[in-house]
Structure formats: structure tokens, C-alpha cells
Amino acid sequence: MSTDSATILRQLKIKTGATKRLFKEHKSYVLEEEQQKLKLDKFVADGAEEWDIKNARKMLEESGKMVNDLAGKLGASVQDLRQLVAAAEHDESIAKNEEVIKAGEVLEEVSV
């Protein structure tokens, strides 16, 4: 295995982990945003104090910002990982390596 192949494998391992983490974090914030929306709707429907409604709106807005921020980071990470997988698949010495297979699985998972 050449040093280029070793470098690709090392980068694959790093990017695969980063992509998985960003995907998990993004899902978590999407769920939080949904919960914040339900909470705000309940406050409005129940005629809660204006401060509670305002605070719930602020929390919803913050969750939305995090979802958007993480979506951008996840998109960039997925693109980088796809490029690394393509490079690895063209290198016969590592094309069937476990890290390449794992990276492909992560790409499938986050693309759903």
C-alpha cells in the first residue's frame, strides 16, 4: 500500500466519523425543533403569558439556526466523504478495505 493509499484510508476514517457525528447531531436538533414548535403551539393555544410565548419563539428560532448550520456542515462533510470514497475505489490496493466499505455505508445512511 502506497503512502497515498494510507493517507486516503486515514482521511476516510476521520471523515466517516465526522459525517456520522454531524448526521446524529442534525437529527437531534431537528427533533428538538419539532418539540419546540409543539411547545410554542401549546403556549399560544392555552393563552400562556406573553413572556413564555416570546421565550418559546426564541428557543424555536435558536433550534432552527442550529438545524440550518448543521445541514450545511453535514452537506460539506458528505461531499468530502464521497470524493474520498471515489478516490479509494479507484485505488485497487484499498478498494475493498473495511474503511471504504464503512464510508459507503455511512453515505447510504445519511442520504436517506
N, C-alpha and C. Protein backbone atom coordinates (compact mmCIF):
# COMPACT_ATOMS: atom_id res chain seq x y z
N MET A 1 0.86 -1.18 0.00
CA MET A 1 0.00 0.00 0.00
C MET A 1 0.90 1.24 0.00
N SER A 2 0.61 2.15 -0.90
CA SER A 2 1.41 3.37 -1.00
C SER A 2 1.03 4.36 0.10
N THR A 3 1.87 5.38 0.24
CA THR A 3 1.57 6.40 1.25
C THR A 3 0.29 7.15 0.90
N ASP A 4 0.03 7.30 -0.42
CA ASP A 4 -1.23 7.94 -0.84
C ASP A 4 -2.42 7.11 -0.37
N SER A 5 -2.32 5.80 -0.50
CA SER A 5 -3.40 4.90 -0.08
C SER A 5 -3.61 5.00 1.43
N ALA A 6 -2.52 5.01 2.17
CA ALA A 6 -2.61 5.12 3.63
C ALA A 6 -3.24 6.45 4.03
N THR A 7 -2.88 7.51 3.33
CA THR A 7 -3.45 8.83 3.60
C THR A 7 -4.95 8.84 3.32
N ILE A 8 -5.35 8.23 2.22
CA ILE A 8 -6.77 8.16 1.87
C ILE A 8 -7.54 7.40 2.95
N LEU A 9 -6.99 6.27 3.39
CA LEU A 9 -7.66 5.48 4.42
C LEU A 9 -7.78 6.25 5.73
N ARG A 10 -6.73 6.96 6.10
CA ARG A 10 -6.76 7.74 7.33
C ARG A 10 -7.82 8.86 7.22
N GLN A 11 -7.85 9.53 6.08
CA GLN A 11 -8.84 10.59 5.87
C GLN A 11 -10.26 10.02 5.83
N LEU A 12 -10.40 8.82 5.24
CA LEU A 12 -11.72 8.17 5.21
C LEU A 12 -12.23 7.91 6.62
N LYS A 13 -11.35 7.42 7.47
CA LYS A 13 -11.74 7.11 8.85
C LYS A 13 -12.19 8.38 9.57
N ILE A 14 -11.44 9.45 9.41
CA ILE A 14 -11.75 10.73 10.05
C ILE A 14 -13.07 11.29 9.51
N LYS A 15 -13.21 11.35 8.19
CA LYS A 15 -14.40 11.94 7.58
C LYS A 15 -15.65 11.08 7.83
N THR A 16 -15.47 9.76 7.88
CA THR A 16 -16.61 8.89 8.16
C THR A 16 -17.13 9.18 9.57
N GLY A 17 -16.24 9.27 10.53
CA GLY A 17 -16.64 9.58 11.91
C GLY A 17 -17.29 10.95 12.02
N ALA A 18 -16.71 11.93 11.35
CA ALA A 18 -17.26 13.29 11.40
C ALA A 18 -18.65 13.34 10.77
N THR A 19 -18.82 12.66 9.66
CA THR A 19 -20.11 12.65 8.98
C THR A 19 -21.17 11.98 9.84
N LYS A 20 -20.82 10.86 10.47
CA LYS A 20 -21.77 10.17 11.35
C LYS A 20 -22.18 11.08 12.52
N ARG A 21 -21.20 11.75 13.10
CA ARG A 21 -21.47 12.64 14.24
C ARG A 21 -22.37 13.80 13.83
N LEU A 22 -22.07 14.43 12.70
CA LEU A 22 -22.88 15.55 12.22
C LEU A 22 -24.30 15.11 11.89
N PHE A 23 -24.44 13.92 11.31
CA PHE A 23 -25.77 13.40 10.98
C PHE A 23 -26.59 13.18 12.25
N LYS A 24 -25.96 12.59 13.26
CA LYS A 24 -26.63 12.34 14.53
C LYS A 24 -27.03 13.66 15.20
N GLU A 25 -26.12 14.60 15.19
CA GLU A 25 -26.38 15.91 15.80
C GLU A 25 -27.51 16.64 15.06
N HIS A 26 -27.49 16.57 13.73
CA HIS A 26 -28.53 17.22 12.93
C HIS A 26 -29.89 16.62 13.25
N LYS A 27 -29.98 15.29 13.31
CA LYS A 27 -31.24 14.63 13.65
C LYS A 27 -31.74 15.08 15.03
N SER A 28 -30.81 15.21 15.95
CA SER A 28 -31.16 15.62 17.31
C SER A 28 -31.76 17.03 17.32
N TYR A 29 -31.16 17.94 16.57
CA TYR A 29 -31.68 19.31 16.53
C TYR A 29 -33.00 19.41 15.76
N VAL A 30 -33.19 18.57 14.75
CA VAL A 30 -34.47 18.55 14.04
C VAL A 30 -35.57 18.12 15.01
N LEU A 31 -35.29 17.10 15.80
CA LEU A 31 -36.25 16.64 16.80
C LEU A 31 -36.53 17.74 17.83
N GLU A 32 -35.47 18.40 18.29
CA GLU A 32 -35.65 19.49 19.26
C GLU A 32 -36.49 20.61 18.67
N GLU A 33 -36.25 20.93 17.41
CA GLU A 33 -37.02 21.99 16.75
C GLU A 33 -38.51 21.60 16.71
N GLU A 34 -38.80 20.34 16.39
CA GLU A 34 -40.19 19.88 16.36
C GLU A 34 -40.83 20.00 17.74
N GLN A 35 -40.08 19.63 18.78
CA GLN A 35 -40.60 19.71 20.14
C GLN A 35 -40.83 21.16 20.56
N GLN A 36 -39.92 22.04 20.17
CA GLN A 36 -40.08 23.46 20.49
C GLN A 36 -41.31 24.05 19.79
N LYS A 37 -41.55 23.61 18.57
CA LYS A 37 -42.72 24.08 17.81
C LYS A 37 -44.00 23.64 18.51
N LEU A 38 -44.04 22.39 18.95
CA LEU A 38 -45.22 21.89 19.68
C LEU A 38 -45.44 22.66 20.97
N LYS A 39 -44.35 22.94 21.68
CA LYS A 39 -44.43 23.68 22.93
C LYS A 39 -44.98 25.09 22.68
N LEU A 40 -44.46 25.76 21.65
CA LEU A 40 -44.93 27.10 21.31
C LEU A 40 -46.40 27.06 20.94
N ASP A 41 -46.80 26.11 20.12
CA ASP A 41 -48.21 26.00 19.72
C ASP A 41 -49.11 25.80 20.93
N LYS A 42 -48.65 24.99 21.88
CA LYS A 42 -49.43 24.74 23.10
C LYS A 42 -49.56 26.03 23.91
N PHE A 43 -48.46 26.76 24.06
CA PHE A 43 -48.50 28.02 24.80
C PHE A 43 -49.51 28.99 24.16
N VAL A 44 -49.46 29.11 22.84
CA VAL A 44 -50.36 30.04 22.14
C VAL A 44 -51.80 29.58 22.31
N ALA A 45 -52.04 28.27 22.14
CA ALA A 45 -53.41 27.74 22.26
C ALA A 45 -53.96 27.89 23.67
N ASP A 46 -53.09 27.76 24.66
CA ASP A 46 -53.52 27.85 26.06
C ASP A 46 -53.56 29.29 26.57
N GLY A 47 -53.17 30.25 25.74
CA GLY A 47 -53.16 31.64 26.16
C GLY A 47 -52.16 31.91 27.27
N ALA A 48 -50.96 31.34 27.12
CA ALA A 48 -49.92 31.49 28.15
C ALA A 48 -49.44 32.94 28.23
N GLU A 49 -48.65 33.20 29.27
CA GLU A 49 -48.06 34.52 29.46
C GLU A 49 -47.24 34.91 28.23
N GLU A 50 -47.25 36.21 27.92
CA GLU A 50 -46.51 36.71 26.75
C GLU A 50 -45.02 36.37 26.84
N TRP A 51 -44.46 36.44 28.05
CA TRP A 51 -43.04 36.13 28.24
C TRP A 51 -42.76 34.68 27.85
N ASP A 52 -43.63 33.75 28.25
CA ASP A 52 -43.45 32.33 27.91
C ASP A 52 -43.50 32.12 26.41
N ILE A 53 -44.44 32.78 25.76
CA ILE A 53 -44.57 32.65 24.30
C ILE A 53 -43.34 33.22 23.61
N LYS A 54 -42.91 34.39 24.06
CA LYS A 54 -41.73 35.03 23.47
C LYS A 54 -40.49 34.15 23.66
N ASN A 55 -40.34 33.59 24.85
CA ASN A 55 -39.20 32.73 25.14
C ASN A 55 -39.25 31.45 24.28
N ALA A 56 -40.43 30.88 24.12
CA ALA A 56 -40.59 29.67 23.30
C ALA A 56 -40.25 29.97 21.84
N ARG A 57 -40.65 31.16 21.37
CA ARG A 57 -40.30 31.55 19.98
C ARG A 57 -38.79 31.67 19.82
N LYS A 58 -38.15 32.27 20.83
CA LYS A 58 -36.69 32.43 20.78
C LYS A 58 -36.00 31.06 20.75
N MET A 59 -36.47 30.13 21.56
CA MET A 59 -35.89 28.79 21.60
C MET A 59 -36.09 28.07 20.26
N LEU A 60 -37.27 28.25 19.67
CA LEU A 60 -37.55 27.65 18.36
C LEU A 60 -36.63 28.22 17.30
N GLU A 61 -36.43 29.53 17.36
CA GLU A 61 -35.55 30.20 16.40
C GLU A 61 -34.11 29.69 16.54
N GLU A 62 -33.65 29.54 17.77
CA GLU A 62 -32.29 29.02 18.00
C GLU A 62 -32.14 27.60 17.47
N SER A 63 -33.14 26.77 17.69
CA SER A 63 -33.10 25.40 17.18
C SER A 63 -33.05 25.41 15.65
N GLY A 64 -33.84 26.27 15.04
CA GLY A 64 -33.84 26.39 13.58
C GLY A 64 -32.49 26.81 13.03
N LYS A 65 -31.83 27.73 13.72
CA LYS A 65 -30.49 28.16 13.30
C LYS A 65 -29.51 26.99 13.36
N MET A 66 -29.61 26.21 14.42
CA MET A 66 -28.70 25.06 14.57
C MET A 66 -28.97 24.01 13.48
N VAL A 67 -30.23 23.78 13.16
CA VAL A 67 -30.58 22.83 12.10
C VAL A 67 -29.96 23.28 10.78
N ASN A 68 -30.12 24.56 10.46
CA ASN A 68 -29.57 25.09 9.20
C ASN A 68 -28.05 25.03 9.18
N ASP A 69 -27.42 25.41 10.29
CA ASP A 69 -25.97 25.39 10.38
C ASP A 69 -25.44 23.96 10.20
N LEU A 70 -26.04 23.03 10.90
CA LEU A 70 -25.60 21.64 10.81
C LEU A 70 -25.89 21.03 9.45
N ALA A 71 -26.98 21.45 8.81
CA ALA A 71 -27.29 20.94 7.46
C ALA A 71 -26.17 21.33 6.49
N GLY A 72 -25.68 22.55 6.61
CA GLY A 72 -24.58 22.99 5.75
C GLY A 72 -23.30 22.22 6.02
N LYS A 73 -22.98 22.04 7.29
CA LYS A 73 -21.77 21.30 7.65
C LYS A 73 -21.88 19.84 7.22
N LEU A 74 -23.06 19.26 7.41
CA LEU A 74 -23.27 17.87 7.01
C LEU A 74 -23.14 17.71 5.50
N GLY A 75 -23.70 18.63 4.76
CA GLY A 75 -23.60 18.60 3.30
C GLY A 75 -22.16 18.64 2.83
N ALA A 76 -21.37 19.52 3.42
CA ALA A 76 -19.96 19.63 3.05
C ALA A 76 -19.21 18.36 3.42
N SER A 77 -19.51 17.80 4.58
CA SER A 77 -18.85 16.58 5.04
C SER A 77 -19.19 15.40 4.12
N VAL A 78 -20.45 15.30 3.73
CA VAL A 78 -20.88 14.23 2.82
C VAL A 78 -20.17 14.36 1.48
N GLN A 79 -20.06 15.57 0.98
CA GLN A 79 -19.39 15.80 -0.30
C GLN A 79 -17.92 15.38 -0.21
N ASP A 80 -17.24 15.77 0.85
CA ASP A 80 -15.84 15.38 1.05
C ASP A 80 -15.71 13.87 1.13
N LEU A 81 -16.61 13.24 1.87
CA LEU A 81 -16.56 11.78 2.04
C LEU A 81 -16.79 11.08 0.71
N ARG A 82 -17.73 11.58 -0.08
CA ARG A 82 -17.99 10.98 -1.41
C ARG A 82 -16.73 11.04 -2.28
N GLN A 83 -16.03 12.17 -2.25
CA GLN A 83 -14.80 12.32 -3.04
C GLN A 83 -13.73 11.34 -2.57
N LEU A 84 -13.61 11.18 -1.26
CA LEU A 84 -12.62 10.23 -0.73
C LEU A 84 -12.96 8.79 -1.10
N VAL A 85 -14.24 8.45 -1.01
CA VAL A 85 -14.66 7.09 -1.39
C VAL A 85 -14.37 6.85 -2.87
N ALA A 86 -14.65 7.83 -3.71
CA ALA A 86 -14.38 7.70 -5.15
C ALA A 86 -12.88 7.49 -5.39
N ALA A 87 -12.05 8.26 -4.68
CA ALA A 87 -10.60 8.11 -4.83
C ALA A 87 -10.15 6.72 -4.35
N ALA A 88 -10.73 6.25 -3.25
CA ALA A 88 -10.36 4.94 -2.71
C ALA A 88 -10.80 3.82 -3.65
N GLU A 89 -11.95 3.96 -4.25
CA GLU A 89 -12.45 2.92 -5.16
C GLU A 89 -11.62 2.83 -6.43
N HIS A 90 -10.93 3.89 -6.79
CA HIS A 90 -10.06 3.87 -7.96
C HIS A 90 -8.67 3.32 -7.63
N ASP A 91 -8.36 3.15 -6.37
CA ASP A 91 -7.08 2.60 -5.93
C ASP A 91 -7.31 1.12 -5.60
N GLU A 92 -6.89 0.25 -6.50
CA GLU A 92 -7.15 -1.18 -6.34
C GLU A 92 -6.60 -1.77 -5.05
N SER A 93 -5.54 -1.18 -4.51
CA SER A 93 -4.94 -1.73 -3.30
C SER A 93 -5.81 -1.53 -2.05
N ILE A 94 -6.76 -0.58 -2.11
CA ILE A 94 -7.61 -0.31 -0.95
C ILE A 94 -9.10 -0.34 -1.25
N ALA A 95 -9.47 -0.59 -2.49
CA ALA A 95 -10.88 -0.50 -2.91
C ALA A 95 -11.81 -1.36 -2.06
N LYS A 96 -11.32 -2.51 -1.57
CA LYS A 96 -12.16 -3.42 -0.78
C LYS A 96 -11.86 -3.32 0.72
N ASN A 97 -11.13 -2.29 1.11
CA ASN A 97 -10.76 -2.11 2.52
C ASN A 97 -11.99 -1.84 3.38
N GLU A 98 -11.92 -2.26 4.63
CA GLU A 98 -13.02 -2.09 5.58
C GLU A 98 -13.43 -0.62 5.73
N GLU A 99 -12.47 0.30 5.74
CA GLU A 99 -12.78 1.73 5.90
C GLU A 99 -13.58 2.25 4.70
N VAL A 100 -13.28 1.76 3.51
CA VAL A 100 -14.01 2.18 2.31
C VAL A 100 -15.45 1.67 2.39
N ILE A 101 -15.60 0.44 2.84
CA ILE A 101 -16.94 -0.16 2.98
C ILE A 101 -17.75 0.61 4.03
N LYS A 102 -17.13 0.89 5.19
CA LYS A 102 -17.82 1.65 6.25
C LYS A 102 -18.26 3.03 5.73
N ALA A 103 -17.36 3.69 5.02
CA ALA A 103 -17.68 5.02 4.49
C ALA A 103 -18.87 4.95 3.53
N GLY A 104 -18.90 3.92 2.69
CA GLY A 104 -20.04 3.75 1.79
C GLY A 104 -21.34 3.53 2.54
N GLU A 105 -21.28 2.76 3.63
CA GLU A 105 -22.46 2.52 4.45
C GLU A 105 -22.96 3.80 5.09
N VAL A 106 -22.04 4.62 5.58
CA VAL A 106 -22.41 5.89 6.21
C VAL A 106 -23.04 6.81 5.16
N LEU A 107 -22.49 6.83 3.96
CA LEU A 107 -23.07 7.66 2.91
C LEU A 107 -24.51 7.23 2.61
N GLU A 108 -24.74 5.92 2.59
CA GLU A 108 -26.10 5.42 2.35
C GLU A 108 -27.03 5.86 3.49
N GLU A 109 -26.55 5.74 4.73
CA GLU A 109 -27.35 6.08 5.90
C GLU A 109 -27.76 7.56 5.89
N VAL A 110 -26.81 8.44 5.61
CA VAL A 110 -27.11 9.87 5.69
C VAL A 110 -27.85 10.39 4.46
N SER A 111 -27.90 9.60 3.41
CA SER A 111 -28.58 10.04 2.19
C SER A 111 -30.05 9.66 2.17
N VAL A 112 -30.50 8.98 3.22
CA VAL A 112 -31.90 8.54 3.29
C VAL A 112 -32.81 9.66 3.70
